[in-house]
């Protein structure tokens, strides 16, 4: 212990604490019970929505455009566009090499 206390500490010890009003706690609890609660969206749900929208936007901007479809499309069209033929040939070559 400090044998020579600071004057500030002596001043603090000399202070008298005031008593709280008797009905203070009840008044505070009643006021809290009467205030309407605001419905908030949970943070995990907001984070999920944000991630979903970010993924949607990322896929939208990074997905290549589809090849142009012919203006007259018929159900009996036998030959797919050239790009699809090239892709199919590349896939078949990869599968044949394995």
Protein backbone atom coordinates (compact mmCIF):
# COMPACT_ATOMS: atom_id res chain seq x y z
CA UNK A 1 0.00 0.00 0.00
CA UNK A 2 1.04 3.52 -0.61
CA UNK A 3 1.80 5.24 2.71
CA UNK A 4 1.44 8.71 1.19
CA UNK A 5 -1.89 8.71 -0.74
CA UNK A 6 -2.54 11.17 -3.50
CA UNK A 7 -4.81 14.14 -2.61
CA UNK A 8 -7.09 13.20 -5.49
CA UNK A 9 -7.66 9.78 -3.92
CA UNK A 10 -8.52 11.45 -0.63
CA UNK A 11 -11.05 13.65 -2.45
CA UNK A 12 -12.61 10.59 -4.06
CA UNK A 13 -12.94 8.81 -0.73
CA UNK A 14 -14.60 11.88 0.76
CA UNK A 15 -17.35 11.95 -1.85
CA UNK A 16 -20.74 10.77 -0.67
CA UNK A 17 -22.70 8.55 -3.00
CA UNK A 18 -26.28 9.52 -3.63
CA UNK A 19 -29.03 6.96 -3.31
CA UNK A 20 -31.03 6.07 -6.40
CA UNK A 21 -34.72 7.03 -6.36
CA UNK A 22 -36.88 4.20 -5.07
CA UNK A 23 -39.14 3.87 -8.13
CA UNK A 24 -36.36 4.45 -10.66
CA UNK A 25 -35.91 0.84 -11.68
CA UNK A 26 -39.64 0.19 -12.08
CA UNK A 27 -40.09 3.36 -14.15
CA UNK A 28 -37.26 2.39 -16.47
CA UNK A 29 -38.61 -1.13 -16.96
CA UNK A 30 -42.13 0.16 -17.69
CA UNK A 31 -40.81 2.69 -20.20
CA UNK A 32 -38.79 -0.01 -21.93
CA UNK A 33 -41.82 -2.31 -22.09
CA UNK A 34 -44.01 0.37 -23.67
CA UNK A 35 -41.69 1.34 -26.52
CA UNK A 36 -42.55 -0.48 -29.74
CA UNK A 37 -39.95 -2.88 -31.03
CA UNK A 38 -38.63 -2.35 -34.51
CA UNK A 39 -38.56 -5.48 -36.61
CA UNK A 40 -35.10 -5.82 -38.09
CA UNK A 41 -33.87 -8.19 -40.74
CA UNK A 42 -31.28 -10.55 -39.27
CA UNK A 43 -27.70 -9.86 -40.30
CA UNK A 44 -27.16 -13.40 -41.56
CA UNK A 45 -30.09 -13.00 -43.94
CA UNK A 46 -28.81 -9.67 -45.25
CA UNK A 47 -25.37 -11.20 -45.74
CA UNK A 48 -26.90 -14.12 -47.64
CA UNK A 49 -28.88 -11.81 -49.93
CA UNK A 50 -25.79 -9.71 -50.56
CA UNK A 51 -23.71 -12.75 -51.46
CA UNK A 52 -26.43 -14.08 -53.74
CA UNK A 53 -26.73 -10.78 -55.60
CA UNK A 54 -22.95 -10.50 -55.86
CA UNK A 55 -22.80 -14.01 -57.35
CA UNK A 56 -25.60 -13.20 -59.80
CA UNK A 57 -23.87 -10.04 -60.96
CA UNK A 58 -20.51 -11.80 -61.24
CA UNK A 59 -22.04 -14.57 -63.37
CA UNK A 60 -23.93 -12.05 -65.49
CA UNK A 61 -20.85 -10.00 -66.33
CA UNK A 62 -18.42 -12.92 -66.75
CA UNK A 63 -20.57 -15.30 -68.81
CA UNK A 64 -19.73 -15.11 -72.51
CA UNK A 65 -22.48 -14.23 -74.94
CA UNK A 66 -24.27 -17.06 -76.66
CA UNK A 67 -23.53 -17.59 -80.33
CA UNK A 68 -25.96 -15.96 -82.70
CA UNK A 69 -28.96 -18.14 -83.41
CA UNK A 70 -30.24 -18.37 -86.97
CA UNK A 71 -33.12 -16.02 -87.69
CA UNK A 72 -35.37 -18.84 -88.80
CA UNK A 73 -35.10 -21.73 -86.45
CA UNK A 74 -36.82 -24.91 -87.39
CA UNK A 75 -37.17 -28.05 -85.34
CA UNK A 76 -35.68 -30.17 -88.12
CA UNK A 77 -32.41 -28.27 -88.25
CA UNK A 78 -29.71 -30.94 -88.42
CA UNK A 79 -26.46 -28.96 -88.24
CA UNK A 80 -25.69 -27.03 -85.07
CA UNK A 81 -23.74 -23.77 -85.38
CA UNK A 82 -20.05 -24.12 -86.20
CA UNK A 83 -18.93 -23.08 -82.73
CA UNK A 84 -20.86 -25.92 -81.14
CA UNK A 85 -19.40 -28.35 -83.66
CA UNK A 86 -15.89 -27.23 -82.73
CA UNK A 87 -16.64 -27.63 -79.04
CA UNK A 88 -18.07 -31.10 -79.58
CA UNK A 89 -14.99 -32.11 -81.59
CA UNK A 90 -12.67 -30.82 -78.86
CA UNK A 91 -14.59 -32.73 -76.18
CA UNK A 92 -14.50 -35.93 -78.25
CA UNK A 93 -10.75 -35.52 -78.77
CA UNK A 94 -10.20 -35.10 -75.03
CA UNK A 95 -12.33 -38.12 -74.21
CA UNK A 96 -10.55 -40.22 -76.84
CA UNK A 97 -7.12 -39.30 -75.45
CA UNK A 98 -8.03 -40.52 -71.97
